Protein backbone atom coordinates (compact mmCIF):
# COMPACT_ATOMS: atom_id res chain seq x y z
CA UNK A 1 136.71 -73.88 15.28
CA UNK A 2 133.97 -71.76 16.83
CA UNK A 3 134.33 -68.95 19.37
CA UNK A 4 131.49 -67.25 21.24
CA UNK A 5 132.07 -63.94 23.04
CA UNK A 6 130.39 -62.94 26.31
CA UNK A 7 130.92 -59.46 27.71
CA UNK A 8 131.82 -59.32 31.39
CA UNK A 9 132.41 -56.53 33.89
CA UNK A 10 135.62 -54.48 34.17
CA UNK A 11 136.08 -54.37 30.43
CA UNK A 12 136.62 -58.12 30.14
CA UNK A 13 135.18 -60.75 27.82
CA UNK A 14 134.98 -64.53 27.93
CA UNK A 15 135.72 -66.56 24.83
CA UNK A 16 134.11 -70.01 24.75
CA UNK A 17 136.01 -71.97 22.15
CA UNK A 18 135.25 -75.34 20.56
CA UNK A 19 138.15 -77.02 18.78
CA UNK A 20 136.97 -79.66 16.25
CA UNK A 21 138.29 -83.24 16.42
CA UNK A 22 140.34 -82.86 13.23
CA UNK A 23 142.25 -79.90 14.72
CA UNK A 24 142.92 -81.91 17.89
CA UNK A 25 144.17 -84.87 15.85
CA UNK A 26 146.41 -82.55 13.85
CA UNK A 27 147.91 -81.13 17.07
CA UNK A 28 148.50 -84.57 18.55
CA UNK A 29 150.05 -85.93 15.35
CA UNK A 30 152.37 -82.92 15.13
CA UNK A 31 153.56 -83.53 18.69
CA UNK A 32 154.03 -87.26 17.97
CA UNK A 33 156.23 -86.47 14.96
CA UNK A 34 158.34 -84.24 17.17
CA UNK A 35 158.59 -86.79 20.00
CA UNK A 36 159.59 -89.58 17.59
CA UNK A 37 162.73 -87.61 16.72
CA UNK A 38 163.54 -86.78 20.34
CA UNK A 39 162.80 -90.00 22.25
CA UNK A 40 164.98 -93.08 22.00
CA UNK A 41 162.81 -96.22 21.96
CA UNK A 42 164.72 -99.55 22.23
CA UNK A 43 164.40 -101.61 19.07
CA UNK A 44 163.46 -98.72 16.80
CA UNK A 45 165.47 -96.27 14.77
CA UNK A 46 165.00 -92.55 15.62
CA UNK A 47 161.69 -91.29 14.20
CA UNK A 48 160.38 -94.79 13.35
CA UNK A 49 158.61 -95.87 16.56
CA UNK A 50 154.84 -96.48 16.00
CA UNK A 51 152.34 -94.39 17.92
CA UNK A 52 151.19 -97.25 20.17
CA UNK A 53 154.78 -97.90 21.19
CA UNK A 54 155.33 -94.23 22.02
CA UNK A 55 152.11 -94.18 24.03
CA UNK A 56 153.27 -97.21 25.99
CA UNK A 57 156.74 -95.74 26.47
CA UNK A 58 155.70 -92.17 27.41
CA UNK A 59 152.07 -92.46 28.40
CA UNK A 60 149.05 -91.11 26.49
CA UNK A 61 148.36 -88.43 29.13
CA UNK A 62 151.89 -87.06 28.75
CA UNK A 63 151.59 -86.93 24.95
CA UNK A 64 148.22 -85.20 25.15
CA UNK A 65 149.48 -82.66 27.67
CA UNK A 66 152.50 -81.86 25.49
CA UNK A 67 150.24 -81.49 22.46
CA UNK A 68 147.91 -79.22 24.42
CA UNK A 69 150.75 -76.95 25.57
CA UNK A 70 151.96 -76.70 21.98
CA UNK A 71 148.57 -76.10 20.33
CA UNK A 72 146.60 -74.05 22.88
CA UNK A 73 148.33 -70.68 22.18
CA UNK A 74 147.64 -71.06 18.45
CA UNK A 75 144.01 -72.05 19.08
CA UNK A 76 143.55 -69.05 21.35
CA UNK A 77 145.11 -66.69 18.78
CA UNK A 78 142.86 -68.06 16.04
CA UNK A 79 139.79 -67.63 18.28
CA UNK A 80 140.79 -64.01 18.98
CA UNK A 81 141.07 -63.31 15.25
CA UNK A 82 137.79 -65.08 14.43
CA UNK A 83 135.93 -63.30 17.23
CA UNK A 84 137.43 -59.94 16.19
CA UNK A 85 138.35 -58.85 19.72
CA UNK A 86 141.40 -56.82 20.84
CA UNK A 87 142.95 -58.30 24.01
CA UNK A 88 145.26 -56.01 25.94
CA UNK A 89 146.60 -58.51 28.48
CA UNK A 90 147.31 -62.20 28.90
CA UNK A 91 144.23 -64.42 29.15
CA UNK A 92 143.07 -66.66 31.96
CA UNK A 93 142.38 -70.01 30.29
CA UNK A 94 140.12 -72.69 31.81
CA UNK A 95 139.15 -76.17 30.64
CA UNK A 96 137.61 -79.18 32.38
CA UNK A 97 138.10 -82.06 29.96
CA UNK A 98 141.33 -83.28 28.32
CA UNK A 99 141.97 -83.50 24.59
CA UNK A 100 139.75 -85.93 22.76
CA UNK A 101 140.55 -86.82 19.16
CA UNK A 102 136.96 -87.98 18.62
CA UNK A 103 135.00 -85.27 20.46
CA UNK A 104 137.40 -82.35 20.13
CA UNK A 105 138.32 -79.92 22.90
CA UNK A 106 136.61 -77.06 24.70
CA UNK A 107 138.18 -74.22 26.65
CA UNK A 108 137.31 -70.72 27.79
CA UNK A 109 139.55 -67.66 27.91
CA UNK A 110 138.81 -64.60 30.04
CA UNK A 111 140.75 -61.55 28.96
CA UNK A 112 140.69 -57.77 29.27
CA UNK A 113 139.99 -56.01 25.98
CA UNK A 114 140.41 -52.47 24.78
CA UNK A 115 137.94 -50.08 26.38
CA UNK A 116 135.53 -48.05 24.28
CA UNK A 117 135.82 -44.28 24.41
CA UNK A 118 132.66 -42.28 25.01
CA UNK A 119 132.71 -39.45 22.51
CA UNK A 120 131.70 -35.94 23.38
CA UNK A 121 131.20 -33.31 20.70
CA UNK A 122 133.40 -34.25 17.77
CA UNK A 123 131.89 -32.66 14.65
CA UNK A 124 131.83 -28.98 13.81
CA UNK A 125 134.40 -28.00 16.45
CA UNK A 126 136.00 -24.57 16.13
CA UNK A 127 139.76 -25.10 16.10
CA UNK A 128 142.47 -22.42 15.66
CA UNK A 129 144.51 -22.69 12.46
CA UNK A 130 147.70 -20.82 11.71
CA UNK A 131 147.61 -18.39 8.81
CA UNK A 132 150.24 -19.07 6.17
CA UNK A 133 152.61 -16.14 5.87
CA UNK A 134 156.07 -16.03 4.35
CA UNK A 135 158.04 -12.81 4.79
CA UNK A 136 160.74 -11.33 2.61
CA UNK A 137 163.18 -11.91 5.45
CA UNK A 138 162.51 -15.64 5.36
CA UNK A 139 163.04 -15.71 1.61
CA UNK A 140 166.35 -13.85 1.99
CA UNK A 141 167.46 -16.15 4.81
CA UNK A 142 166.81 -19.22 2.68
CA UNK A 143 168.63 -17.57 -0.21
CA UNK A 144 171.61 -16.91 2.06
CA UNK A 145 171.60 -20.57 3.14
CA UNK A 146 171.77 -21.59 -0.51
CA UNK A 147 174.50 -19.05 -1.11
CA UNK A 148 176.48 -20.52 1.78
CA UNK A 149 176.37 -23.96 0.14
CA UNK A 150 178.29 -22.52 -2.82
CA UNK A 151 180.83 -20.64 -0.73
CA UNK A 152 184.52 -21.44 -0.83
CA UNK A 153 187.01 -21.17 2.04
CA UNK A 154 189.73 -18.58 1.73
CA UNK A 155 192.81 -18.37 3.95
CA UNK A 156 192.99 -15.50 6.47
CA UNK A 157 196.40 -14.16 7.55
CA UNK A 158 195.87 -10.53 8.56
CA UNK A 159 193.48 -10.88 11.51
CA UNK A 160 192.68 -13.13 14.48
CA UNK A 161 189.86 -15.69 14.72
CA UNK A 162 186.28 -14.50 15.01
CA UNK A 163 182.99 -16.37 15.22
CA UNK A 164 181.99 -17.95 11.93
CA UNK A 165 185.58 -18.63 10.88
CA UNK A 166 186.84 -22.10 10.08
CA UNK A 167 190.04 -23.10 11.87
CA UNK A 168 192.39 -26.05 11.62
CA UNK A 169 193.77 -27.01 15.04
CA UNK A 170 195.70 -29.61 16.98
CA UNK A 171 194.52 -30.04 20.55
CA UNK A 172 194.99 -32.29 23.56
CA UNK A 173 193.16 -32.31 26.89
CA UNK A 174 194.15 -33.66 30.30
CA UNK A 175 192.39 -33.63 33.63
CA UNK A 176 193.32 -30.76 35.93
CA UNK A 177 193.32 -33.23 38.80
CA UNK A 178 195.86 -35.31 36.90
CA UNK A 179 195.54 -38.20 34.52
CA UNK A 180 195.09 -38.76 30.83
CA UNK A 181 191.78 -38.08 29.10
CA UNK A 182 191.31 -40.71 26.35
CA UNK A 183 189.79 -39.34 23.17
CA UNK A 184 190.37 -35.67 24.04
CA UNK A 185 192.94 -35.01 21.34
CA UNK A 186 193.07 -34.54 17.58
CA UNK A 187 195.34 -33.30 14.82
CA UNK A 188 194.36 -31.15 11.82
CA UNK A 189 190.84 -30.86 13.19
CA UNK A 190 188.62 -28.46 11.19
CA UNK A 191 186.07 -26.54 13.24
CA UNK A 192 183.56 -23.78 12.51
CA UNK A 193 183.95 -21.48 15.50
CA UNK A 194 180.71 -20.63 17.26
CA UNK A 195 178.63 -23.38 15.69
CA UNK A 196 178.59 -25.41 18.90
CA UNK A 197 180.29 -28.52 17.59
CA UNK A 198 182.56 -28.62 20.64
CA UNK A 199 182.13 -27.18 24.13
CA UNK A 200 181.04 -23.54 24.09
CA UNK A 201 183.89 -22.42 26.39
CA UNK A 202 186.40 -24.28 24.21
CA UNK A 203 185.26 -22.47 21.08
CA UNK A 204 185.15 -19.08 22.84
CA UNK A 205 188.81 -19.48 23.78
CA UNK A 206 189.72 -19.79 20.10
CA UNK A 207 188.29 -16.34 19.31
CA UNK A 208 191.15 -13.83 19.10
CA UNK A 209 193.87 -16.39 18.38
CA UNK A 210 196.12 -15.90 15.34
CA UNK A 211 197.37 -18.42 12.82
CA UNK A 212 200.38 -20.30 14.21
CA UNK A 213 199.58 -19.34 17.84
CA UNK A 214 199.64 -21.85 20.70
CA UNK A 215 197.43 -21.50 23.75
CA UNK A 216 196.39 -23.44 26.82
CA UNK A 217 193.20 -22.92 28.79
CA UNK A 218 190.93 -24.72 31.23
CA UNK A 219 187.36 -25.78 30.48
CA UNK A 220 184.85 -27.17 32.99
CA UNK A 221 182.40 -29.68 31.56
CA UNK A 222 178.74 -28.85 32.30
CA UNK A 223 176.76 -30.95 34.76
CA UNK A 224 174.37 -32.09 32.03
CA UNK A 225 177.16 -33.28 29.69
CA UNK A 226 176.26 -36.48 27.85
CA UNK A 227 179.28 -38.40 29.20
CA UNK A 228 178.54 -38.79 32.90
CA UNK A 229 182.18 -39.35 33.92
CA UNK A 230 183.13 -35.86 32.61
CA UNK A 231 180.36 -33.88 34.28
CA UNK A 232 181.81 -31.09 36.41
CA UNK A 233 185.37 -32.09 35.48
CA UNK A 234 187.97 -29.38 34.78
CA UNK A 235 190.16 -30.13 31.78
CA UNK A 236 193.29 -28.34 30.59
CA UNK A 237 193.46 -28.04 26.81
CA UNK A 238 196.61 -27.25 24.81
CA UNK A 239 195.75 -25.91 21.36
CA UNK A 240 197.88 -25.16 18.30
CA UNK A 241 195.90 -23.05 15.82
CA UNK A 242 197.37 -23.78 12.41
CA UNK A 243 195.13 -22.02 9.90
CA UNK A 244 192.20 -19.59 9.75
CA UNK A 245 189.75 -19.67 6.87
CA UNK A 246 186.63 -17.64 6.11
CA UNK A 247 183.71 -18.14 3.76
CA UNK A 248 184.06 -16.50 0.36
CA UNK A 249 180.45 -16.06 -0.72
CA UNK A 250 179.51 -15.75 -4.40
CA UNK A 251 177.65 -12.56 -5.41
CA UNK A 252 173.87 -12.76 -5.56
CA UNK A 253 173.24 -12.26 -9.25
CA UNK A 254 171.85 -14.07 -12.27
CA UNK A 255 175.06 -16.06 -12.69
CA UNK A 256 174.64 -17.45 -9.17
CA UNK A 257 171.01 -18.39 -9.93
CA UNK A 258 172.15 -20.32 -13.02
CA UNK A 259 174.85 -22.16 -11.06
CA UNK A 260 172.69 -22.95 -8.01
CA UNK A 261 169.42 -23.85 -9.74
CA UNK A 262 167.62 -24.47 -13.00
CA UNK A 263 166.53 -20.82 -13.19
CA UNK A 264 168.01 -18.15 -15.44
CA UNK A 265 167.60 -15.12 -13.19
CA UNK A 266 167.89 -14.30 -9.50
CA UNK A 267 164.29 -13.10 -9.39
CA UNK A 268 163.05 -16.43 -10.75
CA UNK A 269 165.06 -18.18 -8.04
CA UNK A 270 163.59 -15.90 -5.38
CA UNK A 271 160.08 -16.64 -6.62
CA UNK A 272 160.73 -20.39 -6.52
CA UNK A 273 162.11 -20.16 -2.98
CA UNK A 274 159.01 -18.23 -1.88
CA UNK A 275 156.78 -20.88 -3.44
CA UNK A 276 158.68 -23.66 -1.67
CA UNK A 277 158.46 -21.86 1.68
CA UNK A 278 154.74 -21.24 1.23
CA UNK A 279 154.12 -24.89 0.40
CA UNK A 280 156.14 -26.00 3.44
CA UNK A 281 154.24 -23.49 5.59
CA UNK A 282 150.91 -24.81 4.31
CA UNK A 283 151.91 -28.38 5.13
CA UNK A 284 153.08 -27.31 8.57
CA UNK A 285 149.90 -25.37 9.26
CA UNK A 286 147.79 -28.30 8.11
CA UNK A 287 149.76 -30.71 10.31
CA UNK A 288 149.34 -28.43 13.32
CA UNK A 289 145.62 -28.09 12.57
CA UNK A 290 145.19 -31.89 12.45
CA UNK A 291 146.94 -32.15 15.81
CA UNK A 292 144.71 -29.46 17.33
CA UNK A 293 141.56 -31.10 15.98
CA UNK A 294 142.46 -34.47 17.45
CA UNK A 295 143.43 -32.81 20.75
CA UNK A 296 140.07 -31.03 20.87
CA UNK A 297 138.09 -34.22 20.20
CA UNK A 298 140.14 -36.19 22.75
CA UNK A 299 139.61 -33.51 25.40
CA UNK A 300 135.83 -33.87 25.02
CA UNK A 301 135.86 -37.67 25.15
CA UNK A 302 135.67 -39.91 28.19
CA UNK A 303 137.98 -42.91 28.17
CA UNK A 304 139.85 -44.87 30.81
CA UNK A 305 143.29 -45.75 29.48
CA UNK A 306 144.51 -49.10 30.91
CA UNK A 307 148.08 -49.01 32.17
CA UNK A 308 148.88 -52.27 30.38
CA UNK A 309 148.13 -50.53 27.05
CA UNK A 310 150.34 -47.61 28.02
CA UNK A 311 153.19 -49.99 28.89
CA UNK A 312 152.82 -51.80 25.59
CA UNK A 313 152.77 -48.51 23.66
CA UNK A 314 155.82 -47.20 25.54
CA UNK A 315 157.68 -50.42 24.72
CA UNK A 316 156.64 -50.05 21.07
CA UNK A 317 157.94 -46.46 21.03
CA UNK A 318 161.27 -47.53 22.56
CA UNK A 319 161.68 -50.35 20.04
CA UNK A 320 160.89 -47.96 17.20
CA UNK A 321 163.51 -45.54 18.49
CA UNK A 322 166.09 -48.33 18.82
CA UNK A 323 165.42 -49.45 15.23
CA UNK A 324 165.95 -45.85 14.15
CA UNK A 325 169.33 -45.44 15.85
CA UNK A 326 170.40 -48.92 14.69
CA UNK A 327 169.64 -47.88 11.10
CA UNK A 328 172.13 -45.04 11.63
CA UNK A 329 174.82 -47.52 12.65
CA UNK A 330 174.55 -46.81 16.40
CA UNK A 331 173.97 -49.59 18.89
CA UNK A 332 171.09 -48.67 21.24
CA UNK A 333 173.18 -49.57 24.30
CA UNK A 334 175.91 -47.19 23.11
CA UNK A 335 173.39 -44.40 22.64
CA UNK A 336 172.01 -44.88 26.15
CA UNK A 337 175.53 -44.85 27.60
CA UNK A 338 176.51 -41.66 25.76
CA UNK A 339 173.22 -39.98 26.67
CA UNK A 340 173.76 -40.84 30.33
CA UNK A 341 170.51 -42.77 30.58
CA UNK A 342 169.21 -46.34 30.31
CA UNK A 343 166.50 -48.18 28.46
CA UNK A 344 164.09 -48.26 31.38
CA UNK A 345 164.66 -44.57 32.16
CA UNK A 346 164.03 -43.72 28.50
CA UNK A 347 160.86 -45.80 28.62
CA UNK A 348 159.69 -43.84 31.66
CA UNK A 349 160.37 -40.60 29.80
CA UNK A 350 158.01 -41.58 26.96
CA UNK A 351 155.29 -42.84 29.33
CA UNK A 352 153.11 -39.72 29.14
CA UNK A 353 153.40 -39.56 25.35
CA UNK A 354 152.45 -43.24 25.20
CA UNK A 355 149.38 -42.62 27.37
CA UNK A 356 148.33 -39.70 25.17
CA UNK A 357 148.79 -41.78 22.01
CA UNK A 358 146.73 -44.67 23.38
CA UNK A 359 143.92 -42.31 24.40
CA UNK A 360 143.79 -40.78 20.93
CA UNK A 361 143.83 -44.21 19.27
CA UNK A 362 140.82 -45.21 21.38
CA UNK A 363 139.05 -41.95 20.50
CA UNK A 364 139.67 -42.54 16.79
CA UNK A 365 138.38 -46.10 17.16
CA UNK A 366 135.19 -44.65 18.65
CA UNK A 367 134.84 -42.27 15.69
CA UNK A 368 135.34 -45.21 13.32
CA UNK A 369 132.50 -47.06 15.05
CA UNK A 370 130.20 -44.03 15.31
CA UNK A 371 130.58 -43.07 11.64
CA UNK A 372 130.82 -46.57 10.18
CA UNK A 373 134.24 -45.82 8.69
CA UNK A 374 136.10 -48.60 6.90
CA UNK A 375 139.57 -48.81 5.45
CA UNK A 376 139.78 -48.56 1.66
CA UNK A 377 140.76 -51.81 -0.03
CA UNK A 378 143.01 -49.84 -2.38
CA UNK A 379 144.85 -48.30 0.59
CA UNK A 380 145.28 -51.75 2.14
CA UNK A 381 146.73 -53.12 -1.09
CA UNK A 382 149.09 -50.15 -1.31
CA UNK A 383 150.40 -50.78 2.22
CA UNK A 384 150.82 -54.50 1.54
CA UNK A 385 152.78 -53.74 -1.64
CA UNK A 386 154.99 -51.39 0.38
CA UNK A 387 155.62 -54.09 3.01
CA UNK A 388 156.32 -56.60 0.26
CA UNK A 389 158.88 -54.31 -1.33
CA UNK A 390 160.62 -53.78 2.01
CA UNK A 391 160.73 -57.50 2.85
CA UNK A 392 161.58 -58.80 -0.63
CA UNK A 393 158.47 -60.98 -0.78
CA UNK A 394 155.44 -61.03 -3.03
CA UNK A 395 152.32 -59.10 -1.99
CA UNK A 396 150.42 -62.41 -1.88
CA UNK A 397 152.92 -63.90 0.57
CA UNK A 398 152.83 -60.81 2.77
CA UNK A 399 149.03 -60.72 2.83
CA UNK A 400 148.90 -64.40 3.76
CA UNK A 401 151.41 -63.83 6.57
CA UNK A 402 149.49 -60.79 7.86
CA UNK A 403 146.24 -62.76 7.94
CA UNK A 404 147.84 -65.75 9.67
CA UNK A 405 149.51 -63.75 12.45
CA UNK A 406 146.59 -61.39 12.98
CA UNK A 407 148.29 -58.18 11.86
CA UNK A 408 146.07 -57.81 8.79
CA UNK A 409 143.34 -56.63 11.17
CA UNK A 410 145.80 -54.16 12.71
CA UNK A 411 146.62 -52.76 9.27
CA UNK A 412 142.94 -52.36 8.42
CA UNK A 413 142.36 -50.76 11.83
CA UNK A 414 145.18 -48.24 11.39
CA UNK A 415 144.00 -47.17 7.95
CA UNK A 416 140.49 -46.73 9.34
CA UNK A 417 141.91 -44.49 12.07
CA UNK A 418 143.60 -42.34 9.46
CA UNK A 419 140.29 -41.98 7.64
CA UNK A 420 138.64 -41.09 10.95
CA UNK A 421 141.17 -38.31 11.51
CA UNK A 422 140.55 -37.07 7.97
CA UNK A 423 136.82 -37.04 8.77
CA UNK A 424 137.36 -35.03 11.96
CA UNK A 425 139.52 -32.48 10.12
CA UNK A 426 137.02 -32.12 7.28
CA UNK A 427 134.22 -31.50 9.78
CA UNK A 428 136.15 -29.04 11.96
CA UNK A 429 135.74 -25.28 11.54
CA UNK A 430 139.08 -23.41 11.27
CA UNK A 431 139.17 -20.12 13.17
CA UNK A 432 141.97 -17.52 13.32
CA UNK A 433 144.74 -18.33 15.73
CA UNK A 434 145.30 -15.83 18.57
CA UNK A 435 148.11 -13.40 17.62
CA UNK A 436 150.34 -14.48 20.51
CA UNK A 437 150.17 -18.13 19.37
CA UNK A 438 150.50 -17.20 15.69
CA UNK A 439 153.88 -15.61 16.49
CA UNK A 440 155.18 -18.49 18.62
CA UNK A 441 156.55 -20.39 15.66
CA UNK A 442 156.50 -18.77 12.27
CA UNK A 443 156.24 -21.02 9.20
CA UNK A 444 159.48 -21.56 7.31
CA UNK A 445 161.55 -21.13 10.48
CA UNK A 446 163.54 -24.26 9.80
CA UNK A 447 161.03 -26.81 11.08
CA UNK A 448 160.51 -29.90 8.96
CA UNK A 449 157.32 -29.59 6.91
CA UNK A 450 154.35 -31.18 8.64
CA UNK A 451 156.25 -31.54 11.88
CA UNK A 452 153.17 -31.08 14.01
CA UNK A 453 150.79 -33.31 12.09
CA UNK A 454 148.31 -35.20 14.23
CA UNK A 455 149.06 -38.77 13.26
CA UNK A 456 148.38 -41.76 15.49
CA UNK A 457 149.77 -44.88 13.98
CA UNK A 458 150.69 -48.44 14.83
CA UNK A 459 153.58 -50.23 13.17
CA UNK A 460 152.34 -53.18 11.12
CA UNK A 461 154.99 -55.62 10.00
CA UNK A 462 154.85 -58.69 7.84
CA UNK A 463 155.67 -62.00 9.44
CA UNK A 464 159.05 -61.92 7.71
CA UNK A 465 159.94 -58.73 9.56
CA UNK A 466 158.79 -59.87 13.00
CA UNK A 467 161.20 -61.93 15.08
CA UNK A 468 160.20 -65.32 16.47
CA UNK A 469 160.03 -64.21 20.09
CA UNK A 470 157.60 -61.43 19.24
CA UNK A 471 155.40 -63.86 17.37
CA UNK A 472 155.28 -66.26 20.29
CA UNK A 473 154.54 -63.48 22.71
CA UNK A 474 151.71 -62.25 20.49
CA UNK A 475 150.23 -65.73 20.33
CA UNK A 476 150.08 -66.02 24.10
CA UNK A 477 148.06 -62.84 24.46
């Protein structure tokens, strides 16, 4: 099969495709095998009717049209892969002549492809980078967190509840306007007061209570509460506070260091904590710097982001989120209901992020082209081995599937983008961050390491991981 590409206006191309006779015959024979099993022909057992009998019974034109409808999406997908183009919408397909098992088949497909970004200045940019600084206070805070993990709970009998205490309570809530409130009751419920596990006003009403005391109080649910039916509702709670417990923290000494870590002394533990915080801070600063570099390059580039690409990216982001919550044992529809939103509303919320991601992908593609960057074969093999491990298949099977469904090119493309981002970072010039921005978020403040890293990525799945509907949809594009 051959495919010639002609560039058109409005970021479109035309593919002129020639399908060889043997591919046409293969498509027709495949459809005949299917029809033999489906069509009852008098005098013949199912699947045994000769071709000439089927042609007489159904008509050659009907068989050819069915074969064309079955084969054309696959032929188009193969032409797209062979021509190395990136369609972003459904094609307009035209053909004048029917299938011909002796001459083959010709068709053209006009489709919009990804636009090319026009790069501005992208090398040698001055970009602010956060200085890595870990204070003694941060070290002590992390040490206190570790100390808290080894604390025990001791019963309190000589004072009332205060914030930070653990309490064991029975409670039941009912609407002030009358009526039961399903789910608003529990027995022997343990709660850390002031942590925000329950409603803030509920927890505040526990402060000052004594062990064994009973109390009733009203709480009004906030208007932004996740359960829409409870927003603004006033609820009367009856609470029986059974026990009060407080943390009993171990002393900070060498014995604690031995119990909590592999170190022999408290000073060794402190030094290790400082080293961990500094490493986390370095990763965070580097991630932020990568983000700032990519932002700076994207700001200087000119690119028109097609809405169809934004919609596709937003859908991809929603699906990724739904896979994430499903992995946690939560049905996406349940999450949306609890959050007081819906799938389409959530998709609208990520629209701007999707547009920004698409723009940066296009900018990175332009850097790849400008610098002649290619994905490393070793990196590709590593990713394929990772996909193989996840899907329980051999790397050879996964690679074959990726090549057949066109996602091998996407994998190579994504790895090239990562190299392009590395190139931009290596060629940027770090400058001190303004003091007011340096103090906005201090390293080691509880953020996950590398939380701000500039990383634009597309999910590449093996054919075994992609459902049938997605595959068919991809073939029609």
